[in-house]
Amino acid sequence: MVQAQIYEGTAEEIAAQLRVGKLTGRLKAVIMPDEMPNSDVSDLNDTLMDFLAEVDKTDFEPGQPLNNSQENEVGRLIAAKFAQQGHTK
């Protein structure tokens, strides 16, 4: 399973951490309100890790072919995107 890297701090602190790191891939930011207690952040991290672990265990099975040619094309494009992202059956 791919492990997410979690950086906590102000925008300036995180930017400094990211400048010295050699990160690859895409980044996603979750902006937490100042009034949110720190305990909720660790719960959120745990929930995210549990979710990612569950996703890794999920088997992908394509659905039935669609009857409409436009729907077929959309399905083909979605399947191609998943394959491009490295998802396999």
PDB file of N, CA and C in Angstrom:
ATOM      1  N   MET A   1       0.842  -1.179   0.000  1.00  0.00           N
ATOM      2  CA  MET A   1       0.000   0.000   0.000  1.00  0.00           C
ATOM      3  C   MET A   1       0.884   1.238   0.000  1.00  0.00           C
ATOM      4  N   VAL A   2       0.475   2.228  -0.742  1.00  0.00           N
ATOM      5  CA  VAL A   2       1.179   3.499  -0.783  1.00  0.00           C
ATOM      6  C   VAL A   2       0.859   4.257   0.496  1.00  0.00           C
ATOM      7  N   GLN A   3       1.891   4.770   1.149  1.00  0.00           N
ATOM      8  CA  GLN A   3       1.688   5.533   2.376  1.00  0.00           C
ATOM      9  C   GLN A   3       1.664   7.020   2.064  1.00  0.00           C
ATOM     10  N   ALA A   4       0.666   7.711   2.572  1.00  0.00           N
ATOM     11  CA  ALA A   4       0.592   9.155   2.409  1.00  0.00           C
ATOM     12  C   ALA A   4       1.602   9.806   3.335  1.00  0.00           C
ATOM     13  N   GLN A   5       2.200  10.886   2.897  1.00  0.00           N
ATOM     14  CA  GLN A   5       3.082  11.681   3.736  1.00  0.00           C
ATOM     15  C   GLN A   5       2.269  12.838   4.280  1.00  0.00           C
ATOM     16  N   ILE A   6       2.345  13.063   5.571  1.00  0.00           N
ATOM     17  CA  ILE A   6       1.533  14.097   6.203  1.00  0.00           C
ATOM     18  C   ILE A   6       2.454  15.155   6.780  1.00  0.00           C
ATOM     19  N   TYR A   7       2.233  16.403   6.390  1.00  0.00           N
ATOM     20  CA  TYR A   7       2.971  17.544   6.904  1.00  0.00           C
ATOM     21  C   TYR A   7       1.994  18.418   7.668  1.00  0.00           C
ATOM     22  N   GLU A   8       2.360  18.806   8.887  1.00  0.00           N
ATOM     23  CA  GLU A   8       1.509  19.688   9.681  1.00  0.00           C
ATOM     24  C   GLU A   8       2.243  20.975   9.967  1.00  0.00           C
ATOM     25  N   GLY A   9       1.523  22.077   9.994  1.00  0.00           N
ATOM     26  CA  GLY A   9       2.106  23.364  10.313  1.00  0.00           C
ATOM     27  C   GLY A   9       1.430  24.461   9.523  1.00  0.00           C
ATOM     28  N   THR A  10       1.988  25.644   9.620  1.00  0.00           N
ATOM     29  CA  THR A  10       1.457  26.767   8.850  1.00  0.00           C
ATOM     30  C   THR A  10       1.865  26.584   7.393  1.00  0.00           C
ATOM     31  N   ALA A  11       1.294  27.392   6.517  1.00  0.00           N
ATOM     32  CA  ALA A  11       1.640  27.315   5.100  1.00  0.00           C
ATOM     33  C   ALA A  11       3.135  27.537   4.905  1.00  0.00           C
ATOM     34  N   GLU A  12       3.711  28.479   5.643  1.00  0.00           N
ATOM     35  CA  GLU A  12       5.139  28.771   5.525  1.00  0.00           C
ATOM     36  C   GLU A  12       5.988  27.589   5.998  1.00  0.00           C
ATOM     37  N   GLU A  13       5.594  26.972   7.122  1.00  0.00           N
ATOM     38  CA  GLU A  13       6.346  25.829   7.649  1.00  0.00           C
ATOM     39  C   GLU A  13       6.288  24.644   6.688  1.00  0.00           C
ATOM     40  N   ILE A  14       5.118  24.391   6.154  1.00  0.00           N
ATOM     41  CA  ILE A  14       4.970  23.269   5.217  1.00  0.00           C
ATOM     42  C   ILE A  14       5.734  23.547   3.936  1.00  0.00           C
ATOM     43  N   ALA A  15       5.669  24.783   3.437  1.00  0.00           N
ATOM     44  CA  ALA A  15       6.414  25.141   2.227  1.00  0.00           C
ATOM     45  C   ALA A  15       7.906  24.901   2.435  1.00  0.00           C
ATOM     46  N   ALA A  16       8.425  25.254   3.611  1.00  0.00           N
ATOM     47  CA  ALA A  16       9.845  25.033   3.899  1.00  0.00           C
ATOM     48  C   ALA A  16      10.159  23.541   3.918  1.00  0.00           C
ATOM     49  N   GLN A  17       9.297  22.723   4.505  1.00  0.00           N
ATOM     50  CA  GLN A  17       9.500  21.275   4.534  1.00  0.00           C
ATOM     51  C   GLN A  17       9.480  20.696   3.130  1.00  0.00           C
ATOM     52  N   LEU A  18       8.567  21.186   2.288  1.00  0.00           N
ATOM     53  CA  LEU A  18       8.441  20.664   0.928  1.00  0.00           C
ATOM     54  C   LEU A  18       9.629  21.082   0.060  1.00  0.00           C
ATOM     55  N   ARG A  19      10.202  22.265   0.306  1.00  0.00           N
ATOM     56  CA  ARG A  19      11.346  22.729  -0.493  1.00  0.00           C
ATOM     57  C   ARG A  19      12.557  21.817  -0.301  1.00  0.00           C
ATOM     58  N   VAL A  20      12.778  21.326   0.906  1.00  0.00           N
ATOM     59  CA  VAL A  20      13.962  20.489   1.165  1.00  0.00           C
ATOM     60  C   VAL A  20      13.714  19.031   0.783  1.00  0.00           C
ATOM     61  N   GLY A  21      12.462  18.621   0.664  1.00  0.00           N
ATOM     62  CA  GLY A  21      12.143  17.239   0.307  1.00  0.00           C
ATOM     63  C   GLY A  21      12.162  17.041  -1.199  1.00  0.00           C
ATOM     64  N   LYS A  22      12.436  15.839  -1.608  1.00  0.00           N
ATOM     65  CA  LYS A  22      12.416  15.502  -3.035  1.00  0.00           C
ATOM     66  C   LYS A  22      11.144  14.697  -3.291  1.00  0.00           C
ATOM     67  N   LEU A  23      10.034  15.407  -3.389  1.00  0.00           N
ATOM     68  CA  LEU A  23       8.747  14.749  -3.545  1.00  0.00           C
ATOM     69  C   LEU A  23       8.460  14.465  -5.011  1.00  0.00           C
ATOM     70  N   THR A  24       7.853  13.335  -5.251  1.00  0.00           N
ATOM     71  CA  THR A  24       7.366  13.011  -6.578  1.00  0.00           C
ATOM     72  C   THR A  24       5.868  12.788  -6.481  1.00  0.00           C
ATOM     73  N   GLY A  25       5.206  12.866  -7.586  1.00  0.00           N
ATOM     74  CA  GLY A  25       3.763  12.621  -7.586  1.00  0.00           C
ATOM     75  C   GLY A  25       2.982  13.897  -7.348  1.00  0.00           C
ATOM     76  N   ARG A  26       1.704  13.700  -7.124  1.00  0.00           N
ATOM     77  CA  ARG A  26       0.795  14.830  -6.939  1.00  0.00           C
ATOM     78  C   ARG A  26       0.646  15.138  -5.459  1.00  0.00           C
ATOM     79  N   LEU A  27       0.340  16.384  -5.157  1.00  0.00           N
ATOM     80  CA  LEU A  27       0.102  16.820  -3.784  1.00  0.00           C
ATOM     81  C   LEU A  27      -1.362  17.203  -3.634  1.00  0.00           C
ATOM     82  N   LYS A  28      -1.905  16.950  -2.459  1.00  0.00           N
ATOM     83  CA  LYS A  28      -3.271  17.369  -2.149  1.00  0.00           C
ATOM     84  C   LYS A  28      -3.218  18.036  -0.776  1.00  0.00           C
ATOM     85  N   ALA A  29      -3.796  19.203  -0.663  1.00  0.00           N
ATOM     86  CA  ALA A  29      -3.778  19.940   0.597  1.00  0.00           C
ATOM     87  C   ALA A  29      -5.143  19.853   1.266  1.00  0.00           C
ATOM     88  N   VAL A  30      -5.127  19.653   2.573  1.00  0.00           N
ATOM     89  CA  VAL A  30      -6.338  19.719   3.382  1.00  0.00           C
ATOM     90  C   VAL A  30      -6.118  20.871   4.350  1.00  0.00           C
ATOM     91  N   ILE A  31      -6.895  21.930   4.205  1.00  0.00           N
ATOM     92  CA  ILE A  31      -6.746  23.113   5.043  1.00  0.00           C
ATOM     93  C   ILE A  31      -7.675  22.970   6.242  1.00  0.00           C
ATOM     94  N   MET A  32      -7.089  22.932   7.421  1.00  0.00           N
ATOM     95  CA  MET A  32      -7.856  22.739   8.640  1.00  0.00           C
ATOM     96  C   MET A  32      -8.124  24.104   9.288  1.00  0.00           C
ATOM     97  N   PRO A  33      -9.338  24.352   9.769  1.00  0.00           N
ATOM     98  CA  PRO A  33      -9.628  25.612  10.452  1.00  0.00           C
ATOM     99  C   PRO A  33      -8.794  25.739  11.727  1.00  0.00           C
ATOM    100  N   ASP A  34      -8.437  26.982  12.090  1.00  0.00           N
ATOM    101  CA  ASP A  34      -7.642  27.207  13.300  1.00  0.00           C
ATOM    102  C   ASP A  34      -8.329  26.670  14.544  1.00  0.00           C
ATOM    103  N   GLU A  35      -9.669  26.748  14.566  1.00  0.00           N
ATOM    104  CA  GLU A  35     -10.383  26.341  15.778  1.00  0.00           C
ATOM    105  C   GLU A  35     -10.527  24.831  15.926  1.00  0.00           C
ATOM    106  N   MET A  36     -10.104  24.062  14.920  1.00  0.00           N
ATOM    107  CA  MET A  36     -10.216  22.606  15.012  1.00  0.00           C
ATOM    108  C   MET A  36      -9.130  22.065  15.949  1.00  0.00           C
ATOM    109  N   PRO A  37      -9.525  21.317  16.983  1.00  0.00           N
ATOM    110  CA  PRO A  37      -8.522  20.775  17.909  1.00  0.00           C
ATOM    111  C   PRO A  37      -7.586  19.790  17.205  1.00  0.00           C
ATOM    112  N   ASN A  38      -6.351  19.695  17.689  1.00  0.00           N
ATOM    113  CA  ASN A  38      -5.366  18.796  17.096  1.00  0.00           C
ATOM    114  C   ASN A  38      -5.778  17.336  17.164  1.00  0.00           C
ATOM    115  N   SER A  39      -6.563  16.959  18.162  1.00  0.00           N
ATOM    116  CA  SER A  39      -6.968  15.556  18.282  1.00  0.00           C
ATOM    117  C   SER A  39      -7.791  15.123  17.070  1.00  0.00           C
ATOM    118  N   ASP A  40      -8.586  16.045  16.512  1.00  0.00           N
ATOM    119  CA  ASP A  40      -9.382  15.712  15.337  1.00  0.00           C
ATOM    120  C   ASP A  40      -8.504  15.444  14.123  1.00  0.00           C
ATOM    121  N   VAL A  41      -7.344  16.098  14.050  1.00  0.00           N
ATOM    122  CA  VAL A  41      -6.441  15.906  12.922  1.00  0.00           C
ATOM    123  C   VAL A  41      -5.901  14.480  12.933  1.00  0.00           C
ATOM    124  N   SER A  42      -5.514  13.973  14.093  1.00  0.00           N
ATOM    125  CA  SER A  42      -5.001  12.599  14.148  1.00  0.00           C
ATOM    126  C   SER A  42      -6.111  11.598  13.824  1.00  0.00           C
ATOM    127  N   ASP A  43      -7.336  11.893  14.248  1.00  0.00           N
ATOM    128  CA  ASP A  43      -8.460  11.022  13.896  1.00  0.00           C
ATOM    129  C   ASP A  43      -8.677  11.024  12.385  1.00  0.00           C
ATOM    130  N   LEU A  44      -8.551  12.192  11.765  1.00  0.00           N
ATOM    131  CA  LEU A  44      -8.699  12.307  10.322  1.00  0.00           C
ATOM    132  C   LEU A  44      -7.606  11.510   9.611  1.00  0.00           C
ATOM    133  N   ASN A  45      -6.375  11.613  10.107  1.00  0.00           N
ATOM    134  CA  ASN A  45      -5.266  10.855   9.523  1.00  0.00           C
ATOM    135  C   ASN A  45      -5.510   9.352   9.632  1.00  0.00           C
ATOM    136  N   ASP A  46      -5.961   8.904  10.797  1.00  0.00           N
ATOM    137  CA  ASP A  46      -6.247   7.477  10.990  1.00  0.00           C
ATOM    138  C   ASP A  46      -7.354   7.016  10.048  1.00  0.00           C
ATOM    139  N   THR A  47      -8.396   7.833   9.919  1.00  0.00           N
ATOM    140  CA  THR A  47      -9.509   7.495   9.031  1.00  0.00           C
ATOM    141  C   THR A  47      -9.033   7.408   7.587  1.00  0.00           C
ATOM    142  N   LEU A  48      -8.190   8.351   7.170  1.00  0.00           N
ATOM    143  CA  LEU A  48      -7.651   8.331   5.810  1.00  0.00           C
ATOM    144  C   LEU A  48      -6.823   7.071   5.575  1.00  0.00           C
ATOM    145  N   MET A  49      -5.956   6.712   6.512  1.00  0.00           N
ATOM    146  CA  MET A  49      -5.122   5.513   6.352  1.00  0.00           C
ATOM    147  C   MET A  49      -5.990   4.253   6.291  1.00  0.00           C
ATOM    148  N   ASP A  50      -7.038   4.181   7.128  1.00  0.00           N
ATOM    149  CA  ASP A  50      -7.960   3.040   7.090  1.00  0.00           C
ATOM    150  C   ASP A  50      -8.667   2.963   5.744  1.00  0.00           C
ATOM    151  N   PHE A  51      -9.106   4.117   5.231  1.00  0.00           N
ATOM    152  CA  PHE A  51      -9.792   4.159   3.946  1.00  0.00           C
ATOM    153  C   PHE A  51      -8.868   3.700   2.829  1.00  0.00           C
ATOM    154  N   LEU A  52      -7.634   4.208   2.802  1.00  0.00           N
ATOM    155  CA  LEU A  52      -6.689   3.813   1.754  1.00  0.00           C
ATOM    156  C   LEU A  52      -6.369   2.321   1.822  1.00  0.00           C
ATOM    157  N   ALA A  53      -6.260   1.777   3.020  1.00  0.00           N
ATOM    158  CA  ALA A  53      -6.015   0.343   3.165  1.00  0.00           C
ATOM    159  C   ALA A  53      -7.195  -0.459   2.625  1.00  0.00           C
ATOM    160  N   GLU A  54      -8.406   0.014   2.879  1.00  0.00           N
ATOM    161  CA  GLU A  54      -9.604  -0.676   2.391  1.00  0.00           C
ATOM    162  C   GLU A  54      -9.681  -0.608   0.865  1.00  0.00           C
ATOM    163  N   VAL A  55      -9.342   0.542   0.297  1.00  0.00           N
ATOM    164  CA  VAL A  55      -9.360   0.691  -1.157  1.00  0.00           C
ATOM    165  C   VAL A  55      -8.371  -0.276  -1.801  1.00  0.00           C
ATOM    166  N   ASP A  56      -7.206  -0.452  -1.181  1.00  0.00           N
ATOM    167  CA  ASP A  56      -6.204  -1.365  -1.739  1.00  0.00           C
ATOM    168  C   ASP A  56      -6.704  -2.802  -1.778  1.00  0.00           C
ATOM    169  N   LYS A  57      -7.639  -3.161  -0.891  1.00  0.00           N
ATOM    170  CA  LYS A  57      -8.153  -4.537  -0.837  1.00  0.00           C
ATOM    171  C   LYS A  57      -9.328  -4.764  -1.789  1.00  0.00           C
ATOM    172  N   THR A  58      -9.875  -3.690  -2.343  1.00  0.00           N
ATOM    173  CA  THR A  58     -11.066  -3.785  -3.178  1.00  0.00           C
ATOM    174  C   THR A  58     -10.722  -4.316  -4.557  1.00  0.00           C
ATOM    175  N   ASP A  59     -11.453  -5.326  -4.984  1.00  0.00           N
ATOM    176  CA  ASP A  59     -11.282  -5.866  -6.335  1.00  0.00           C
ATOM    177  C   ASP A  59     -12.106  -5.043  -7.299  1.00  0.00           C
ATOM    178  N   PHE A  60     -11.512  -4.724  -8.432  1.00  0.00           N
ATOM    179  CA  PHE A  60     -12.215  -3.973  -9.469  1.00  0.00           C
ATOM    180  C   PHE A  60     -12.761  -4.952 -10.482  1.00  0.00           C
ATOM    181  N   GLU A  61     -14.056  -4.873 -10.724  1.00  0.00           N
ATOM    182  CA  GLU A  61     -14.677  -5.692 -11.753  1.00  0.00           C
ATOM    183  C   GLU A  61     -15.488  -4.781 -12.657  1.00  0.00           C
ATOM    184  N   PRO A  62     -15.144  -4.735 -13.935  1.00  0.00           N
ATOM    185  CA  PRO A  62     -15.910  -3.867 -14.832  1.00  0.00           C
ATOM    186  C   PRO A  62     -17.361  -4.317 -14.931  1.00  0.00           C
ATOM    187  N   GLY A  63     -18.237  -3.366 -15.182  1.00  0.00           N
ATOM    188  CA  GLY A  63     -19.650  -3.670 -15.309  1.00  0.00           C
ATOM    189  C   GLY A  63     -19.996  -4.229 -16.674  1.00  0.00           C
ATOM    190  N   GLN A  64     -21.255  -4.400 -16.901  1.00  0.00           N
ATOM    191  CA  GLN A  64     -21.744  -4.916 -18.176  1.00  0.00           C
ATOM    192  C   GLN A  64     -21.581  -3.857 -19.265  1.00  0.00           C
ATOM    193  N   PRO A  65     -21.378  -4.275 -20.505  1.00  0.00           N
ATOM    194  CA  PRO A  65     -21.300  -3.295 -21.592  1.00  0.00           C
ATOM    195  C   PRO A  65     -22.596  -2.490 -21.677  1.00  0.00           C
ATOM    196  N   LEU A  66     -22.441  -1.236 -22.004  1.00  0.00           N
ATOM    197  CA  LEU A  66     -23.596  -0.356 -22.099  1.00  0.00           C
ATOM    198  C   LEU A  66     -24.198  -0.424 -23.498  1.00  0.00           C
ATOM    199  N   ASN A  67     -25.468  -0.074 -23.620  1.00  0.00           N
ATOM    200  CA  ASN A  67     -26.173  -0.164 -24.895  1.00  0.00           C
ATOM    201  C   ASN A  67     -25.963   1.075 -25.768  1.00  0.00           C
ATOM    202  N   ASN A  68     -25.715   2.208 -25.158  1.00  0.00           N
ATOM    203  CA  ASN A  68     -25.609   3.474 -25.860  1.00  0.00           C
ATOM    204  C   ASN A  68     -24.149   3.714 -26.251  1.00  0.00           C
ATOM    205  N   SER A  69     -23.892   4.151 -27.484  1.00  0.00           N
ATOM    206  CA  SER A  69     -22.510   4.346 -27.932  1.00  0.00           C
ATOM    207  C   SER A  69     -21.814   5.463 -27.150  1.00  0.00           C
ATOM    208  N   GLN A  70     -22.544   6.502 -26.742  1.00  0.00           N
ATOM    209  CA  GLN A  70     -21.942   7.564 -25.937  1.00  0.00           C
ATOM    210  C   GLN A  70     -21.562   7.042 -24.553  1.00  0.00           C
ATOM    211  N   GLU A  71     -22.437   6.235 -23.961  1.00  0.00           N
ATOM    212  CA  GLU A  71     -22.133   5.642 -22.661  1.00  0.00           C
ATOM    213  C   GLU A  71     -20.940   4.703 -22.772  1.00  0.00           C
ATOM    214  N   ASN A  72     -20.864   3.951 -23.863  1.00  0.00           N
ATOM    215  CA  ASN A  72     -19.723   3.061 -24.078  1.00  0.00           C
ATOM    216  C   ASN A  72     -18.424   3.859 -24.146  1.00  0.00           C
ATOM    217  N   GLU A  73     -18.455   4.994 -24.835  1.00  0.00           N
ATOM    218  CA  GLU A  73     -17.254   5.825 -24.971  1.00  0.00           C
ATOM    219  C   GLU A  73     -16.830   6.394 -23.623  1.00  0.00           C
ATOM    220  N   VAL A  74     -17.792   6.861 -22.839  1.00  0.00           N
ATOM    221  CA  VAL A  74     -17.482   7.372 -21.498  1.00  0.00           C
ATOM    222  C   VAL A  74     -16.874   6.256 -20.638  1.00  0.00           C
ATOM    223  N   GLY A  75     -17.459   5.085 -20.688  1.00  0.00           N
ATOM    224  CA  GLY A  75     -16.922   3.952 -19.937  1.00  0.00           C
ATOM    225  C   GLY A  75     -15.512   3.600 -20.370  1.00  0.00           C
ATOM    226  N   ARG A  76     -15.264   3.641 -21.674  1.00  0.00           N
ATOM    227  CA  ARG A  76     -13.931   3.341 -22.192  1.00  0.00           C
ATOM    228  C   ARG A  76     -12.927   4.376 -21.705  1.00  0.00           C
ATOM    229  N   LEU A  77     -13.309   5.660 -21.713  1.00  0.00           N
ATOM    230  CA  LEU A  77     -12.415   6.717 -21.265  1.00  0.00           C
ATOM    231  C   LEU A  77     -12.103   6.600 -19.771  1.00  0.00           C
ATOM    232  N   ILE A  78     -13.118   6.264 -18.981  1.00  0.00           N
ATOM    233  CA  ILE A  78     -12.899   6.075 -17.548  1.00  0.00           C
ATOM    234  C   ILE A  78     -11.958   4.902 -17.307  1.00  0.00           C
ATOM    235  N   ALA A  79     -12.179   3.786 -18.000  1.00  0.00           N
ATOM    236  CA  ALA A  79     -11.298   2.619 -17.847  1.00  0.00           C
ATOM    237  C   ALA A  79      -9.875   2.952 -18.268  1.00  0.00           C
ATOM    238  N   ALA A  80      -9.718   3.730 -19.345  1.00  0.00           N
ATOM    239  CA  ALA A  80      -8.381   4.122 -19.799  1.00  0.00           C
ATOM    240  C   ALA A  80      -7.700   4.995 -18.763  1.00  0.00           C
ATOM    241  N   LYS A  81      -8.451   5.911 -18.131  1.00  0.00           N
ATOM    242  CA  LYS A  81      -7.896   6.779 -17.104  1.00  0.00           C
ATOM    243  C   LYS A  81      -7.425   5.965 -15.906  1.00  0.00           C
ATOM    244  N   PHE A  82      -8.226   4.988 -15.474  1.00  0.00           N
ATOM    245  CA  PHE A  82      -7.829   4.126 -14.362  1.00  0.00           C
ATOM    246  C   PHE A  82      -6.571   3.350 -14.717  1.00  0.00           C
ATOM    247  N   ALA A  83      -6.503   2.832 -15.924  1.00  0.00           N
ATOM    248  CA  ALA A  83      -5.317   2.092 -16.347  1.00  0.00           C
ATOM    249  C   ALA A  83      -4.094   3.004 -16.381  1.00  0.00           C
ATOM    250  N   GLN A  84      -4.273   4.234 -16.857  1.00  0.00           N
ATOM    251  CA  GLN A  84      -3.177   5.202 -16.914  1.00  0.00           C
ATOM    252  C   GLN A  84      -2.666   5.512 -15.515  1.00  0.00           C
ATOM    253  N   GLN A  85      -3.548   5.505 -14.538  1.00  0.00           N
ATOM    254  CA  GLN A  85      -3.167   5.798 -13.152  1.00  0.00           C
ATOM    255  C   GLN A  85      -2.550   4.588 -12.454  1.00  0.00           C
ATOM    256  N   GLY A  86      -2.478   3.463 -13.159  1.00  0.00           N
ATOM    257  CA  GLY A  86      -1.825   2.282 -12.585  1.00  0.00           C
ATOM    258  C   GLY A  86      -2.755   1.309 -11.896  1.00  0.00           C
ATOM    259  N   HIS A  87      -4.058   1.532 -11.987  1.00  0.00           N
ATOM    260  CA  HIS A  87      -5.016   0.620 -11.356  1.00  0.00           C
ATOM    261  C   HIS A  87      -5.137  -0.627 -12.267  1.00  0.00           C
ATOM    262  N   THR A  88      -5.128  -1.770 -11.649  1.00  0.00           N
ATOM    263  CA  THR A  88      -5.284  -3.008 -12.417  1.00  0.00           C
ATOM    264  C   THR A  88      -6.440  -3.799 -11.854  1.00  0.00           C
ATOM    265  N   LYS A  89      -6.865  -4.784 -12.589  1.00  0.00           N
ATOM    266  CA  LYS A  89      -7.980  -5.638 -12.166  1.00  0.00           C
ATOM    267  C   LYS A  89      -7.581  -6.470 -10.982  1.00  0.00           C
TER     268      LYS A  89
END
